[in-house]
């Protein structure tokens, strides 16, 4: 590191989204949350946790809703590899934005956290995401990929995110796949209302409309990335990841 270079801040908390209904994987998810389906002999979510441990995470927060008791049986000691897991139950499913708002009280005032969809399998380099977040001093930084089955994030000629899901009518110069991995500052949670069911995507779109460049992104094509979005995809990867 050169003299005066800034060291990337260590992110110590990860919020893993585990509350979804898993409707696209029924009947496999009738009695089991999707992140607890097994890949390579163990729950999908534990692969996410190992990935996050490699980035220095020291605490997991997992939201629950559908078949919440299965999480307690999967992690009877409330930890994974000695790292504590805080479960936050949602009696009403709050979606991504509402779920984040619901853990606001668990975070320190100036804390940044990883957010990780619990049905994603990947080994992309999280350090690159953390470095990009620190460098741009954004409230939110998304990990993107150049290719994928759902290219719904648009970036401009400078690499900034200019649209999501076509909500702003700005196609930019390239369409990317959102990986379901991102970093948020705690202050971002102040943009949402407690108890409200809402997705983060319209919130991000509003931020981009008001201040282009306010939601940062980095394209990371290294490593594997799988979204377990169908029974067919699950069967394809469950013994190979």
Protein backbone atom coordinates (compact mmCIF):
# COMPACT_ATOMS: atom_id res chain seq x y z
CA UNK A 1 0.00 0.00 0.00
CA UNK A 2 1.41 3.38 -0.98
CA UNK A 3 1.95 6.08 1.61
CA UNK A 4 -1.29 7.81 2.41
CA UNK A 5 -3.41 5.14 0.68
CA UNK A 6 -6.72 4.44 2.37
CA UNK A 7 -7.27 0.96 3.74
CA UNK A 8 -10.60 -0.59 2.77
CA UNK A 9 -12.97 -0.59 5.73
CA UNK A 10 -13.70 -4.05 7.08
CA UNK A 11 -17.36 -5.02 6.92
CA UNK A 12 -18.22 -7.11 9.96
CA UNK A 13 -21.96 -7.80 9.51
CA UNK A 14 -23.84 -9.59 6.74
CA UNK A 15 -27.60 -9.65 6.27
CA UNK A 16 -28.61 -12.84 4.46
CA UNK A 17 -32.12 -12.80 3.04
CA UNK A 18 -33.81 -15.99 4.14
CA UNK A 19 -37.49 -15.09 4.42
CA UNK A 20 -38.77 -15.74 0.89
CA UNK A 21 -41.52 -18.21 0.11
CA UNK A 22 -39.56 -20.15 -2.53
CA UNK A 23 -42.62 -20.42 -4.77
CA UNK A 24 -40.58 -21.20 -7.91
CA UNK A 25 -39.09 -24.29 -6.25
CA UNK A 26 -42.29 -25.89 -5.01
CA UNK A 27 -42.85 -28.63 -3.95
CA UNK A 28 -39.24 -28.73 -2.67
CA UNK A 29 -39.90 -25.67 -0.54
CA UNK A 30 -43.30 -26.62 0.83
CA UNK A 31 -41.77 -27.54 4.18
CA UNK A 32 -38.33 -25.95 3.87
CA UNK A 33 -37.12 -22.39 3.25
CA UNK A 34 -35.27 -22.26 -0.08
CA UNK A 35 -31.91 -21.23 1.49
CA UNK A 36 -31.96 -24.47 3.50
CA UNK A 37 -32.23 -26.75 0.49
CA UNK A 38 -29.02 -28.73 0.25
CA UNK A 39 -26.25 -28.20 -2.28
CA UNK A 40 -23.17 -30.44 -2.07
CA UNK A 41 -24.67 -32.03 1.04
CA UNK A 42 -25.38 -28.88 3.08
CA UNK A 43 -27.76 -25.91 3.07
CA UNK A 44 -27.37 -23.30 0.34
CA UNK A 45 -27.16 -20.57 2.96
CA UNK A 46 -24.02 -22.10 4.49
CA UNK A 47 -22.20 -21.65 1.18
CA UNK A 48 -23.13 -17.96 1.34
CA UNK A 49 -21.93 -17.79 4.93
CA UNK A 50 -18.57 -19.37 4.05
CA UNK A 51 -18.18 -16.88 1.22
CA UNK A 52 -18.85 -14.01 3.63
CA UNK A 53 -16.47 -15.46 6.22
CA UNK A 54 -13.72 -15.24 3.61
CA UNK A 55 -14.35 -11.48 3.52
CA UNK A 56 -13.98 -11.13 7.30
CA UNK A 57 -17.62 -11.08 8.40
CA UNK A 58 -18.07 -11.61 12.15
CA UNK A 59 -21.87 -11.68 12.48
CA UNK A 60 -24.76 -12.93 10.39
CA UNK A 61 -28.31 -11.59 10.48
CA UNK A 62 -30.91 -13.77 8.77
CA UNK A 63 -34.54 -12.79 8.30
CA UNK A 64 -37.13 -15.56 8.45
CA UNK A 65 -40.80 -16.02 7.58
CA UNK A 66 -41.77 -19.23 5.77
CA UNK A 67 -41.10 -22.33 7.92
CA UNK A 68 -38.97 -20.28 10.30
CA UNK A 69 -38.59 -23.15 12.75
CA UNK A 70 -36.53 -25.08 10.22
CA UNK A 71 -33.76 -22.50 10.65
CA UNK A 72 -33.66 -23.15 14.37
CA UNK A 73 -33.26 -26.87 13.74
CA UNK A 74 -30.57 -26.27 11.11
CA UNK A 75 -28.58 -24.00 13.44
CA UNK A 76 -29.44 -25.24 16.95
CA UNK A 77 -26.49 -23.41 18.53
CA UNK A 78 -27.26 -20.12 16.80
CA UNK A 79 -23.99 -19.93 14.92
CA UNK A 80 -22.10 -21.12 11.84
CA UNK A 81 -18.46 -22.10 12.29
CA UNK A 82 -18.47 -20.19 15.57
CA UNK A 83 -19.85 -16.98 14.04
CA UNK A 84 -23.13 -15.86 15.66
CA UNK A 85 -26.38 -15.78 13.71
CA UNK A 86 -29.12 -13.35 14.72
CA UNK A 87 -32.51 -14.45 13.39
CA UNK A 88 -35.09 -11.70 12.83
CA UNK A 89 -38.56 -13.10 12.17
CA UNK A 90 -41.05 -11.33 9.92
CA UNK A 91 -44.64 -12.38 10.75
CA UNK A 92 -45.62 -10.44 7.62
CA UNK A 93 -43.20 -10.85 4.73
CA UNK A 94 -41.63 -7.40 4.30
CA UNK A 95 -39.76 -7.80 0.97
CA UNK A 96 -36.16 -6.65 0.57
CA UNK A 97 -36.53 -3.03 1.64
CA UNK A 98 -38.84 -3.76 4.53
CA UNK A 99 -36.58 -6.59 5.64
CA UNK A 100 -33.58 -4.28 5.74
CA UNK A 101 -35.50 -1.63 7.67
CA UNK A 102 -36.54 -4.32 10.15
CA UNK A 103 -32.92 -4.92 11.22
CA UNK A 104 -32.00 -1.24 11.58
CA UNK A 105 -31.88 -1.46 15.37
CA UNK A 106 -29.23 -4.20 15.18
CA UNK A 107 -26.70 -1.99 13.38
CA UNK A 108 -24.18 0.57 14.65
CA UNK A 109 -24.69 4.20 13.53
CA UNK A 110 -21.94 4.29 10.89
CA UNK A 111 -21.98 0.62 9.96
CA UNK A 112 -21.90 -0.77 6.42
CA UNK A 113 -23.15 -4.30 5.82
CA UNK A 114 -23.09 -6.93 3.12
CA UNK A 115 -26.54 -7.94 1.88
CA UNK A 116 -26.72 -11.37 0.27
CA UNK A 117 -29.68 -13.15 -1.29
CA UNK A 118 -29.96 -16.48 0.50
CA UNK A 119 -30.65 -18.43 -2.69
CA UNK A 120 -27.49 -17.37 -4.55
CA UNK A 121 -24.42 -19.56 -4.99
CA UNK A 122 -21.28 -17.65 -5.90
CA UNK A 123 -17.59 -17.25 -5.17
CA UNK A 124 -17.08 -13.86 -6.82
CA UNK A 125 -14.42 -11.75 -5.04
CA UNK A 126 -16.21 -9.81 -2.31
CA UNK A 127 -13.10 -7.71 -1.66
CA UNK A 128 -13.57 -6.01 -5.03
CA UNK A 129 -17.11 -5.07 -4.05
CA UNK A 130 -15.90 -3.68 -0.71
CA UNK A 131 -13.13 -1.69 -2.37
CA UNK A 132 -15.54 -0.19 -4.91
CA UNK A 133 -17.96 0.76 -2.14
CA UNK A 134 -15.28 2.54 -0.15
CA UNK A 135 -13.84 4.29 -3.20
CA UNK A 136 -17.18 5.75 -4.29
CA UNK A 137 -18.51 6.58 -0.82
CA UNK A 138 -21.99 5.57 -1.92
CA UNK A 139 -24.97 4.62 0.22
CA UNK A 140 -25.37 1.48 -1.88
CA UNK A 141 -22.99 -0.48 -4.13
CA UNK A 142 -24.28 -3.39 -6.21
CA UNK A 143 -22.29 -6.33 -7.56
CA UNK A 144 -23.18 -6.84 -11.23
CA UNK A 145 -22.24 -9.28 -13.98
CA UNK A 146 -21.91 -8.67 -17.72
CA UNK A 147 -24.08 -11.64 -18.63
CA UNK A 148 -26.98 -13.54 -17.16
CA UNK A 149 -30.59 -14.55 -17.61
CA UNK A 150 -32.05 -11.24 -16.38
CA UNK A 151 -30.19 -8.17 -17.63
CA UNK A 152 -32.24 -5.56 -15.83
CA UNK A 153 -29.64 -3.06 -14.59
CA UNK A 154 -28.49 -0.37 -17.02
CA UNK A 155 -25.14 1.38 -16.80
CA UNK A 156 -23.93 4.52 -18.56
CA UNK A 157 -20.69 5.26 -20.39
CA UNK A 158 -18.94 6.02 -17.08
CA UNK A 159 -20.03 2.72 -15.54
CA UNK A 160 -22.67 4.31 -13.31
CA UNK A 161 -26.10 2.77 -12.82
CA UNK A 162 -28.65 4.82 -14.77
CA UNK A 163 -31.74 2.58 -14.68
CA UNK A 164 -33.19 -0.55 -13.09
CA UNK A 165 -35.98 -2.65 -14.55
CA UNK A 166 -36.71 0.13 -17.03
CA UNK A 167 -38.25 2.30 -14.31
CA UNK A 168 -36.43 5.44 -15.47
CA UNK A 169 -36.49 4.95 -19.24
CA UNK A 170 -32.71 5.34 -19.52
CA UNK A 171 -31.13 2.38 -21.34
CA UNK A 172 -27.56 3.68 -20.97
CA UNK A 173 -24.89 1.80 -22.94
CA UNK A 174 -24.97 -1.66 -21.34
CA UNK A 175 -27.35 -4.00 -19.56
CA UNK A 176 -26.10 -6.12 -16.64
CA UNK A 177 -27.27 -8.86 -14.31
CA UNK A 178 -27.77 -7.90 -10.66
CA UNK A 179 -26.18 -10.65 -8.55
CA UNK A 180 -28.21 -10.24 -5.36
CA UNK A 181 -25.06 -9.12 -3.51
CA UNK A 182 -24.55 -5.54 -2.38
CA UNK A 183 -23.29 -3.28 0.37
CA UNK A 184 -25.42 -0.68 2.11
CA UNK A 185 -24.65 1.99 4.67
CA UNK A 186 -26.95 2.09 7.65
CA UNK A 187 -28.05 5.60 6.64
CA UNK A 188 -29.70 4.08 3.55
CA UNK A 189 -32.22 2.38 5.84
CA UNK A 190 -33.48 5.83 6.82
CA UNK A 191 -35.09 6.11 3.38
CA UNK A 192 -37.68 3.47 4.30
CA UNK A 193 -40.61 3.31 6.71
CA UNK A 194 -40.73 0.75 9.51
CA UNK A 195 -43.26 -2.03 8.94
CA UNK A 196 -43.85 -1.16 5.31
CA UNK A 197 -43.73 -3.93 2.72
CA UNK A 198 -41.44 -2.69 -0.04
CA UNK A 199 -38.68 -3.67 -2.40
CA UNK A 200 -35.35 -1.86 -2.46
CA UNK A 201 -35.52 -1.47 -6.26
CA UNK A 202 -38.01 1.46 -6.45
CA UNK A 203 -36.06 3.15 -3.65
CA UNK A 204 -32.83 2.82 -5.63
CA UNK A 205 -34.57 4.06 -8.78
CA UNK A 206 -35.78 7.15 -6.90
CA UNK A 207 -32.25 7.83 -5.67
CA UNK A 208 -30.88 7.57 -9.23
CA UNK A 209 -33.60 9.89 -10.54
CA UNK A 210 -32.81 12.52 -7.92
CA UNK A 211 -29.04 12.15 -8.03
CA UNK A 212 -27.49 10.17 -10.92
CA UNK A 213 -24.60 8.10 -9.61
CA UNK A 214 -26.01 7.86 -6.10
CA UNK A 215 -26.35 4.08 -6.42
CA UNK A 216 -22.97 2.64 -7.37
CA UNK A 217 -22.23 -0.61 -9.12
CA UNK A 218 -19.25 -2.71 -10.07
CA UNK A 219 -19.15 -5.41 -12.74
CA UNK A 220 -17.47 -8.53 -11.37
CA UNK A 221 -17.33 -11.40 -13.86
CA UNK A 222 -14.80 -13.54 -12.00
CA UNK A 223 -15.90 -16.75 -10.34
CA UNK A 224 -19.12 -18.72 -10.47
CA UNK A 225 -22.60 -17.29 -9.95
CA UNK A 226 -25.87 -19.22 -9.82
CA UNK A 227 -29.34 -18.02 -8.92
CA UNK A 228 -31.36 -20.99 -7.68
CA UNK A 229 -34.53 -19.80 -9.40
CA UNK A 230 -36.07 -23.05 -10.60
CA UNK A 231 -36.21 -26.73 -9.79
CA UNK A 232 -34.21 -27.40 -12.96
CA UNK A 233 -31.42 -25.02 -11.92
CA UNK A 234 -31.35 -26.49 -8.44
CA UNK A 235 -31.03 -30.04 -9.77
CA UNK A 236 -28.26 -28.89 -12.10
CA UNK A 237 -26.04 -27.34 -9.43
CA UNK A 238 -26.89 -29.20 -6.22
CA UNK A 239 -24.11 -31.74 -6.61
CA UNK A 240 -21.58 -29.66 -8.51
CA UNK A 241 -20.96 -26.36 -6.69
